[in-house]
Amino acid sequence: QPKAPEPHKPMSVGGRIVRGADGLNVRWMDRVACLNRAVEGAIDAGCHLAIDTGDLFDHARPTPAEYVAAQEALARCCDYMPTILLSSNHGRAEAAGEHDDVEPLAGLAGPLYVVTRPTVLTVPIKNGHIQVACLPSPRRHLTPGEDFEPMSKEATNAEISRRLKMVVHWLAAQCDPDPAIPKILAAHLLIHGAKISDTQEATQESIGLGWDDLAGPWSYIALGDVHKHQTRMVNGVPACYAGSLDRIDFGEERDK
């Protein structure tokens, strides 16, 4: 007989769902704990702005418990700083009339910006204001239409990537030209050459951009989609994939 799990102690048993003494999935509670630790770390560091570049949830229809956990963490963050939340491919609405997974959070009190379409935000912060050019997951808004039907998959991906590059240029053009105003590009997208795991890199055949395509008037580039933490300098500006707050699957087992 296996020993009964201790209350709230994370366990992994052959991929099965393991519940703690309170009946909750202990791996889900690990994720909630990691999210709350990230929020508390930002507060303790005195950060002026928080950005979640997507994948807050990993599916399009979060449960009520998942929404409550997200609301509590975001409300805590908004008590101390403006918070920006981007929609992602994981929670993309699949049909007209449906909402992206993060849209119900838009009613949360406090300085929370929920972004589902490309836009430039001017956000008040403690010592002035900052501009954030937001590019949520492009897969919903650049979905291939009839004009793509005769094209191969590779040609289709290349055309969508070209249009995506135009969106980044458009966002840069919408920013205030005043160099005294800090500007951040926050994007949920794949960068060709980014490390997906310790042994793999994103290939040119996928929909995405190159590192140089991110060049613009930015002070910082915040990236989401790839789960592995990494930083790359783009024209002297740090471009950073924050990475997962916790390991999501066995493919991330060896990631630090």
C-alpha atoms as a PDB file:
ATOM      1  CA  GLN A   1       0.000   0.000   0.000  1.00  0.00           C
ATOM      2  CA  PRO A   2       1.415   3.432  -0.941  1.00  0.00           C
ATOM      3  CA  LYS A   3       1.631   5.963   1.840  1.00  0.00           C
ATOM      4  CA  ALA A   4      -1.185   8.518   1.965  1.00  0.00           C
ATOM      5  CA  PRO A   5      -0.039  11.917   0.646  1.00  0.00           C
ATOM      6  CA  GLU A   6       0.727  14.546   3.226  1.00  0.00           C
ATOM      7  CA  PRO A   7      -1.578  17.597   3.052  1.00  0.00           C
ATOM      8  CA  HIS A   8      -0.472  20.068   0.333  1.00  0.00           C
ATOM      9  CA  LYS A   9       2.688  18.101  -0.438  1.00  0.00           C
ATOM     10  CA  PRO A  10       3.250  17.990  -4.244  1.00  0.00           C
ATOM     11  CA  MET A  11       3.323  14.478  -5.659  1.00  0.00           C
ATOM     12  CA  SER A  12       3.690  12.951  -9.101  1.00  0.00           C
ATOM     13  CA  VAL A  13       2.453   9.437  -9.635  1.00  0.00           C
ATOM     14  CA  GLY A  14       2.772   8.180 -13.194  1.00  0.00           C
ATOM     15  CA  GLY A  15       0.904  11.118 -14.709  1.00  0.00           C
ATOM     16  CA  ARG A  16      -2.209  10.544 -12.621  1.00  0.00           C
ATOM     17  CA  ILE A  17      -4.044  13.424 -10.966  1.00  0.00           C
ATOM     18  CA  VAL A  18      -3.121  13.470  -7.304  1.00  0.00           C
ATOM     19  CA  ARG A  19      -5.312  15.324  -4.841  1.00  0.00           C
ATOM     20  CA  GLY A  20      -4.312  16.750  -1.504  1.00  0.00           C
ATOM     21  CA  ALA A  21      -6.210  16.452   1.750  1.00  0.00           C
ATOM     22  CA  ASP A  22      -8.520  19.286   0.635  1.00  0.00           C
ATOM     23  CA  GLY A  23      -9.389  17.446  -2.605  1.00  0.00           C
ATOM     24  CA  LEU A  24      -7.546  19.868  -4.875  1.00  0.00           C
ATOM     25  CA  ASN A  25      -5.155  18.799  -7.625  1.00  0.00           C
ATOM     26  CA  VAL A  26      -1.745  19.345  -6.034  1.00  0.00           C
ATOM     27  CA  ARG A  27      -0.021  20.191  -9.325  1.00  0.00           C
ATOM     28  CA  TRP A  28      -2.596  22.914  -9.990  1.00  0.00           C
ATOM     29  CA  MET A  29      -1.976  24.279  -6.511  1.00  0.00           C
ATOM     30  CA  ASP A  30       1.754  24.343  -7.344  1.00  0.00           C
ATOM     31  CA  ARG A  31       0.979  26.649 -10.277  1.00  0.00           C
ATOM     32  CA  VAL A  32      -1.189  28.893  -8.125  1.00  0.00           C
ATOM     33  CA  ALA A  33       1.588  29.093  -5.527  1.00  0.00           C
ATOM     34  CA  CYS A  34       4.149  30.018  -8.203  1.00  0.00           C
ATOM     35  CA  LEU A  35       1.895  32.768  -9.580  1.00  0.00           C
ATOM     36  CA  ASN A  36       1.410  34.241  -6.118  1.00  0.00           C
ATOM     37  CA  ARG A  37       5.152  34.084  -5.417  1.00  0.00           C
ATOM     38  CA  ALA A  38       5.824  35.980  -8.658  1.00  0.00           C
ATOM     39  CA  VAL A  39       3.332  38.672  -7.648  1.00  0.00           C
ATOM     40  CA  GLU A  40       4.800  38.987  -4.164  1.00  0.00           C
ATOM     41  CA  GLY A  41       8.311  39.139  -5.643  1.00  0.00           C
ATOM     42  CA  ALA A  42       7.293  42.046  -7.898  1.00  0.00           C
ATOM     43  CA  ILE A  43       5.739  43.851  -4.929  1.00  0.00           C
ATOM     44  CA  ASP A  44       8.784  43.287  -2.728  1.00  0.00           C
ATOM     45  CA  ALA A  45      11.062  44.580  -5.506  1.00  0.00           C
ATOM     46  CA  GLY A  46       9.037  47.788  -5.767  1.00  0.00           C
ATOM     47  CA  CYS A  47       8.184  47.247  -9.434  1.00  0.00           C
ATOM     48  CA  HIS A  48       6.211  49.981 -11.181  1.00  0.00           C
ATOM     49  CA  LEU A  49       4.513  47.756 -13.768  1.00  0.00           C
ATOM     50  CA  ALA A  50       3.605  44.086 -14.232  1.00  0.00           C
ATOM     51  CA  ILE A  51       3.122  42.424 -17.617  1.00  0.00           C
ATOM     52  CA  ASP A  52       1.783  38.933 -18.242  1.00  0.00           C
ATOM     53  CA  THR A  53       2.581  38.165 -21.886  1.00  0.00           C
ATOM     54  CA  GLY A  54       0.086  35.319 -22.162  1.00  0.00           C
ATOM     55  CA  ASP A  55      -0.619  31.718 -21.174  1.00  0.00           C
ATOM     56  CA  LEU A  56      -2.105  32.715 -17.840  1.00  0.00           C
ATOM     57  CA  PHE A  57      -4.409  29.738 -18.467  1.00  0.00           C
ATOM     58  CA  ASP A  58      -3.518  26.754 -20.647  1.00  0.00           C
ATOM     59  CA  HIS A  59      -6.946  26.168 -22.178  1.00  0.00           C
ATOM     60  CA  ALA A  60      -9.814  28.246 -23.578  1.00  0.00           C
ATOM     61  CA  ARG A  61     -12.377  27.478 -20.867  1.00  0.00           C
ATOM     62  CA  PRO A  62     -10.891  27.947 -17.397  1.00  0.00           C
ATOM     63  CA  THR A  63     -12.819  26.549 -14.469  1.00  0.00           C
ATOM     64  CA  PRO A  64     -14.408  28.852 -11.859  1.00  0.00           C
ATOM     65  CA  ALA A  65     -11.653  27.880  -9.423  1.00  0.00           C
ATOM     66  CA  GLU A  66      -8.990  28.905 -11.947  1.00  0.00           C
ATOM     67  CA  TYR A  67     -10.674  32.264 -12.488  1.00  0.00           C
ATOM     68  CA  VAL A  68     -10.887  32.879  -8.744  1.00  0.00           C
ATOM     69  CA  ALA A  69      -7.194  32.063  -8.262  1.00  0.00           C
ATOM     70  CA  ALA A  70      -6.230  34.365 -11.144  1.00  0.00           C
ATOM     71  CA  GLN A  71      -8.467  37.169  -9.885  1.00  0.00           C
ATOM     72  CA  GLU A  72      -6.989  37.002  -6.401  1.00  0.00           C
ATOM     73  CA  ALA A  73      -3.399  37.133  -7.684  1.00  0.00           C
ATOM     74  CA  LEU A  74      -4.119  39.933 -10.161  1.00  0.00           C
ATOM     75  CA  ALA A  75      -6.059  41.971  -7.587  1.00  0.00           C
ATOM     76  CA  ARG A  76      -3.100  41.714  -5.226  1.00  0.00           C
ATOM     77  CA  CYS A  77      -0.770  42.883  -8.003  1.00  0.00           C
ATOM     78  CA  CYS A  78      -3.062  45.777  -8.993  1.00  0.00           C
ATOM     79  CA  ASP A  79      -3.047  47.027  -5.410  1.00  0.00           C
ATOM     80  CA  TYR A  80       0.593  47.994  -5.968  1.00  0.00           C
ATOM     81  CA  MET A  81       1.093  48.541  -9.707  1.00  0.00           C
ATOM     82  CA  PRO A  82      -0.690  48.673 -13.072  1.00  0.00           C
ATOM     83  CA  THR A  83      -0.911  45.204 -14.609  1.00  0.00           C
ATOM     84  CA  ILE A  84      -1.159  44.270 -18.298  1.00  0.00           C
ATOM     85  CA  LEU A  85      -2.504  40.898 -19.394  1.00  0.00           C
ATOM     86  CA  LEU A  86      -2.217  39.630 -22.988  1.00  0.00           C
ATOM     87  CA  SER A  87      -4.398  36.973 -24.576  1.00  0.00           C
ATOM     88  CA  SER A  88      -2.603  33.936 -25.989  1.00  0.00           C
ATOM     89  CA  ASN A  89      -3.004  30.985 -28.332  1.00  0.00           C
ATOM     90  CA  HIS A  90      -3.939  28.657 -25.459  1.00  0.00           C
ATOM     91  CA  GLY A  91      -7.088  30.593 -24.653  1.00  0.00           C
ATOM     92  CA  ARG A  92      -8.066  31.711 -28.126  1.00  0.00           C
ATOM     93  CA  ALA A  93     -11.778  31.869 -28.866  1.00  0.00           C
ATOM     94  CA  GLU A  94     -12.637  29.282 -31.503  1.00  0.00           C
ATOM     95  CA  ALA A  95     -15.884  30.775 -32.808  1.00  0.00           C
ATOM     96  CA  ALA A  96     -17.554  34.140 -33.289  1.00  0.00           C
ATOM     97  CA  GLY A  97     -19.330  35.228 -30.155  1.00  0.00           C
ATOM     98  CA  GLU A  98     -16.907  33.417 -27.854  1.00  0.00           C
ATOM     99  CA  HIS A  99     -14.460  35.245 -25.621  1.00  0.00           C
ATOM    100  CA  ASP A 100     -10.761  34.683 -25.135  1.00  0.00           C
ATOM    101  CA  ASP A 101     -10.041  33.057 -21.795  1.00  0.00           C
ATOM    102  CA  VAL A 102      -8.745  36.262 -20.176  1.00  0.00           C
ATOM    103  CA  GLU A 103     -11.581  38.572 -21.257  1.00  0.00           C
ATOM    104  CA  PRO A 104     -13.793  37.872 -18.207  1.00  0.00           C
ATOM    105  CA  LEU A 105     -10.975  39.269 -16.055  1.00  0.00           C
ATOM    106  CA  ALA A 106     -11.359  42.705 -17.662  1.00  0.00           C
ATOM    107  CA  GLY A 107     -13.998  43.668 -15.089  1.00  0.00           C
ATOM    108  CA  LEU A 108     -11.563  43.290 -12.221  1.00  0.00           C
ATOM    109  CA  ALA A 109     -11.256  46.480 -10.183  1.00  0.00           C
ATOM    110  CA  GLY A 110      -7.941  48.285 -10.302  1.00  0.00           C
ATOM    111  CA  PRO A 111      -5.464  49.254 -13.024  1.00  0.00           C
ATOM    112  CA  LEU A 112      -5.749  46.008 -15.018  1.00  0.00           C
ATOM    113  CA  TYR A 113      -5.440  46.164 -18.804  1.00  0.00           C
ATOM    114  CA  VAL A 114      -6.685  43.044 -20.615  1.00  0.00           C
ATOM    115  CA  VAL A 115      -5.492  43.152 -24.227  1.00  0.00           C
ATOM    116  CA  THR A 116      -6.857  40.910 -26.986  1.00  0.00           C
ATOM    117  CA  ARG A 117      -5.913  42.988 -30.057  1.00  0.00           C
ATOM    118  CA  PRO A 118      -2.762  44.901 -31.068  1.00  0.00           C
ATOM    119  CA  THR A 119      -2.734  48.293 -29.375  1.00  0.00           C
ATOM    120  CA  VAL A 120      -0.477  50.844 -27.706  1.00  0.00           C
ATOM    121  CA  LEU A 121      -1.274  51.664 -24.070  1.00  0.00           C
ATOM    122  CA  THR A 122      -0.153  54.778 -22.233  1.00  0.00           C
ATOM    123  CA  VAL A 123       0.004  53.663 -18.611  1.00  0.00           C
ATOM    124  CA  PRO A 124       0.416  55.955 -15.577  1.00  0.00           C
ATOM    125  CA  ILE A 125       3.103  54.680 -13.210  1.00  0.00           C
ATOM    126  CA  LYS A 126       4.626  56.022  -9.986  1.00  0.00           C
ATOM    127  CA  ASN A 127       7.086  58.406 -11.603  1.00  0.00           C
ATOM    128  CA  GLY A 128       5.240  59.468 -14.768  1.00  0.00           C
ATOM    129  CA  HIS A 129       3.900  57.261 -17.531  1.00  0.00           C
ATOM    130  CA  ILE A 130       5.099  54.570 -19.890  1.00  0.00           C
ATOM    131  CA  GLN A 131       3.940  53.291 -23.274  1.00  0.00           C
ATOM    132  CA  VAL A 132       3.431  49.584 -23.876  1.00  0.00           C
ATOM    133  CA  ALA A 133       2.926  48.310 -27.430  1.00  0.00           C
ATOM    134  CA  CYS A 134       0.888  45.136 -26.980  1.00  0.00           C
ATOM    135  CA  LEU A 135       0.801  42.274 -29.469  1.00  0.00           C
ATOM    136  CA  PRO A 136      -1.376  39.415 -28.187  1.00  0.00           C
ATOM    137  CA  SER A 137      -1.226  36.033 -29.887  1.00  0.00           C
ATOM    138  CA  PRO A 138      -1.494  36.820 -33.618  1.00  0.00           C
ATOM    139  CA  ARG A 139      -3.020  33.491 -34.594  1.00  0.00           C
ATOM    140  CA  ARG A 140      -6.593  34.670 -34.131  1.00  0.00           C
ATOM    141  CA  HIS A 141      -6.280  37.904 -36.128  1.00  0.00           C
ATOM    142  CA  LEU A 142      -4.003  36.644 -38.907  1.00  0.00           C
ATOM    143  CA  THR A 143      -5.862  33.397 -39.588  1.00  0.00           C
ATOM    144  CA  PRO A 144      -5.438  32.268 -43.203  1.00  0.00           C
ATOM    145  CA  GLY A 145      -8.387  33.094 -45.440  1.00  0.00           C
ATOM    146  CA  GLU A 146      -9.368  32.142 -48.945  1.00  0.00           C
ATOM    147  CA  ASP A 147      -6.356  33.946 -50.411  1.00  0.00           C
ATOM    148  CA  PHE A 148      -4.108  31.350 -48.727  1.00  0.00           C
ATOM    149  CA  GLU A 149      -5.792  28.229 -50.106  1.00  0.00           C
ATOM    150  CA  PRO A 150      -3.542  27.749 -53.173  1.00  0.00           C
ATOM    151  CA  MET A 151      -0.387  28.187 -51.075  1.00  0.00           C
ATOM    152  CA  SER A 152       1.749  25.531 -49.454  1.00  0.00           C
ATOM    153  CA  LYS A 153       2.011  25.389 -45.660  1.00  0.00           C
ATOM    154  CA  GLU A 154       5.507  26.887 -45.796  1.00  0.00           C
ATOM    155  CA  ALA A 155       4.359  29.739 -48.072  1.00  0.00           C
ATOM    156  CA  THR A 156       1.322  30.362 -45.881  1.00  0.00           C
ATOM    157  CA  ASN A 157       3.469  30.587 -42.751  1.00  0.00           C
ATOM    158  CA  ALA A 158       5.871  32.950 -44.528  1.00  0.00           C
ATOM    159  CA  GLU A 159       3.012  35.238 -45.599  1.00  0.00           C
ATOM    160  CA  ILE A 160       1.486  35.344 -42.120  1.00  0.00           C
ATOM    161  CA  SER A 161       4.932  36.100 -40.683  1.00  0.00           C
ATOM    162  CA  ARG A 162       5.316  38.967 -43.179  1.00  0.00           C
ATOM    163  CA  ARG A 163       1.988  40.422 -42.070  1.00  0.00           C
ATOM    164  CA  LEU A 164       3.020  39.975 -38.457  1.00  0.00           C
ATOM    165  CA  LYS A 165       6.177  42.007 -39.106  1.00  0.00           C
ATOM    166  CA  MET A 166       3.977  44.783 -40.495  1.00  0.00           C
ATOM    167  CA  VAL A 167       1.932  44.779 -37.279  1.00  0.00           C
ATOM    168  CA  VAL A 168       5.101  45.259 -35.198  1.00  0.00           C
ATOM    169  CA  HIS A 169       6.118  48.192 -37.423  1.00  0.00           C
ATOM    170  CA  TRP A 170       2.616  49.659 -37.076  1.00  0.00           C
ATOM    171  CA  LEU A 171       2.805  49.436 -33.274  1.00  0.00           C
ATOM    172  CA  ALA A 172       6.159  51.217 -33.293  1.00  0.00           C
ATOM    173  CA  ALA A 173       4.682  53.988 -35.436  1.00  0.00           C
ATOM    174  CA  GLN A 174       1.816  54.498 -32.968  1.00  0.00           C
ATOM    175  CA  CYS A 175       4.202  55.287 -30.103  1.00  0.00           C
ATOM    176  CA  ASP A 176       4.971  58.816 -28.960  1.00  0.00           C
ATOM    177  CA  PRO A 177       8.250  59.895 -30.619  1.00  0.00           C
ATOM    178  CA  ASP A 178       9.409  61.595 -27.403  1.00  0.00           C
ATOM    179  CA  PRO A 179      12.553  59.622 -26.427  1.00  0.00           C
ATOM    180  CA  ALA A 180      12.021  60.585 -22.771  1.00  0.00           C
ATOM    181  CA  ILE A 181       8.969  58.307 -22.585  1.00  0.00           C
ATOM    182  CA  PRO A 182       9.996  54.671 -21.945  1.00  0.00           C
ATOM    183  CA  LYS A 183       8.469  52.196 -24.396  1.00  0.00           C
ATOM    184  CA  ILE A 184       8.000  48.453 -24.018  1.00  0.00           C
ATOM    185  CA  LEU A 185       7.037  45.934 -26.678  1.00  0.00           C
ATOM    186  CA  ALA A 186       4.975  43.171 -25.032  1.00  0.00           C
ATOM    187  CA  ALA A 187       4.277  40.317 -27.448  1.00  0.00           C
ATOM    188  CA  HIS A 188       3.030  36.748 -27.376  1.00  0.00           C
ATOM    189  CA  LEU A 189       4.744  35.183 -30.363  1.00  0.00           C
ATOM    190  CA  LEU A 190       7.425  32.764 -31.500  1.00  0.00           C
ATOM    191  CA  ILE A 191      10.869  34.108 -32.374  1.00  0.00           C
ATOM    192  CA  HIS A 192      12.848  32.024 -34.865  1.00  0.00           C
ATOM    193  CA  GLY A 193      16.022  30.818 -33.213  1.00  0.00           C
ATOM    194  CA  ALA A 194      14.600  31.040 -29.692  1.00  0.00           C
ATOM    195  CA  LYS A 195      15.397  28.084 -27.468  1.00  0.00           C
ATOM    196  CA  ILE A 196      12.311  25.912 -27.056  1.00  0.00           C
ATOM    197  CA  SER A 197      14.164  23.418 -24.858  1.00  0.00           C
ATOM    198  CA  ASP A 198      17.775  22.636 -24.005  1.00  0.00           C
ATOM    199  CA  THR A 199      18.214  20.874 -27.341  1.00  0.00           C
ATOM    200  CA  GLN A 200      15.726  22.519 -29.714  1.00  0.00           C
ATOM    201  CA  GLU A 201      15.364  25.881 -31.435  1.00  0.00           C
ATOM    202  CA  ALA A 202      12.332  27.371 -33.208  1.00  0.00           C
ATOM    203  CA  THR A 203      12.621  26.909 -36.966  1.00  0.00           C
ATOM    204  CA  GLN A 204      11.932  29.276 -39.847  1.00  0.00           C
ATOM    205  CA  GLU A 205       9.093  27.037 -41.042  1.00  0.00           C
ATOM    206  CA  SER A 206       6.903  28.182 -38.138  1.00  0.00           C
ATOM    207  CA  ILE A 207       4.837  31.358 -37.974  1.00  0.00           C
ATOM    208  CA  GLY A 208       6.977  33.920 -36.201  1.00  0.00           C
ATOM    209  CA  LEU A 209       9.610  36.621 -36.482  1.00  0.00           C
ATOM    210  CA  GLY A 210      13.368  36.874 -36.264  1.00  0.00           C
ATOM    211  CA  TRP A 211      15.071  38.686 -33.388  1.00  0.00           C
ATOM    212  CA  ASP A 212      16.015  41.599 -35.658  1.00  0.00           C
ATOM    213  CA  ASP A 213      12.356  42.065 -36.640  1.00  0.00           C
ATOM    214  CA  LEU A 214      11.683  43.308 -33.094  1.00  0.00           C
ATOM    215  CA  ALA A 215      13.835  46.423 -33.530  1.00  0.00           C
ATOM    216  CA  GLY A 216      12.053  49.650 -32.649  1.00  0.00           C
ATOM    217  CA  PRO A 217      11.956  52.514 -30.152  1.00  0.00           C
ATOM    218  CA  TRP A 218      11.863  50.084 -27.255  1.00  0.00           C
ATOM    219  CA  SER A 219      13.479  50.252 -23.844  1.00  0.00           C
ATOM    220  CA  TYR A 220      12.601  46.611 -23.195  1.00  0.00           C
ATOM    221  CA  ILE A 221      10.937  43.720 -25.066  1.00  0.00           C
ATOM    222  CA  ALA A 222       8.759  41.362 -23.007  1.00  0.00           C
ATOM    223  CA  LEU A 223       7.965  38.079 -24.758  1.00  0.00           C
ATOM    224  CA  GLY A 224       5.579  35.209 -24.153  1.00  0.00           C
ATOM    225  CA  ASP A 225       4.691  31.892 -25.899  1.00  0.00           C
ATOM    226  CA  VAL A 226       8.006  30.041 -25.511  1.00  0.00           C
ATOM    227  CA  HIS A 227       8.128  28.496 -22.026  1.00  0.00           C
ATOM    228  CA  LYS A 228      11.923  28.475 -21.629  1.00  0.00           C
ATOM    229  CA  HIS A 229      13.462  31.518 -19.924  1.00  0.00           C
ATOM    230  CA  GLN A 230      15.992  33.341 -22.118  1.00  0.00           C
ATOM    231  CA  THR A 231      17.248  36.837 -22.917  1.00  0.00           C
ATOM    232  CA  ARG A 232      18.675  38.212 -26.157  1.00  0.00           C
ATOM    233  CA  MET A 233      19.943  41.714 -26.938  1.00  0.00           C
ATOM    234  CA  VAL A 234      18.191  43.386 -29.891  1.00  0.00           C
ATOM    235  CA  ASN A 235      19.980  46.587 -30.948  1.00  0.00           C
ATOM    236  CA  GLY A 236      21.250  46.973 -27.410  1.00  0.00           C
ATOM    237  CA  VAL A 237      17.815  46.372 -25.848  1.00  0.00           C
ATOM    238  CA  PRO A 238      17.060  43.242 -23.776  1.00  0.00           C
ATOM    239  CA  ALA A 239      14.374  40.971 -25.242  1.00  0.00           C
ATOM    240  CA  CYS A 240      13.276  38.442 -22.654  1.00  0.00           C
ATOM    241  CA  TYR A 241      11.095  35.344 -22.584  1.00  0.00           C
ATOM    242  CA  ALA A 242      10.111  35.194 -18.926  1.00  0.00           C
ATOM    243  CA  GLY A 243       9.439  31.472 -19.240  1.00  0.00           C
ATOM    244  CA  SER A 244       7.005  29.328 -17.297  1.00  0.00           C
ATOM    245  CA  LEU A 245       6.423  29.993 -13.606  1.00  0.00           C
ATOM    246  CA  ASP A 246       6.393  26.226 -13.147  1.00  0.00           C
ATOM    247  CA  ARG A 247       7.054  23.182 -15.317  1.00  0.00           C
ATOM    248  CA  ILE A 248       3.947  22.482 -17.373  1.00  0.00           C
ATOM    249  CA  ASP A 249       4.750  19.099 -18.935  1.00  0.00           C
ATOM    250  CA  PHE A 250       7.490  16.473 -19.206  1.00  0.00           C
ATOM    251  CA  GLY A 251       9.089  18.420 -22.058  1.00  0.00           C
ATOM    252  CA  GLU A 252      10.118  21.024 -19.470  1.00  0.00           C
ATOM    253  CA  GLU A 253      11.303  18.463 -16.943  1.00  0.00           C
ATOM    254  CA  ARG A 254      14.983  19.418 -17.220  1.00  0.00           C
ATOM    255  CA  ASP A 255      14.525  23.185 -17.646  1.00  0.00           C
ATOM    256  CA  LYS A 256      15.868  25.225 -14.759  1.00  0.00           C
END
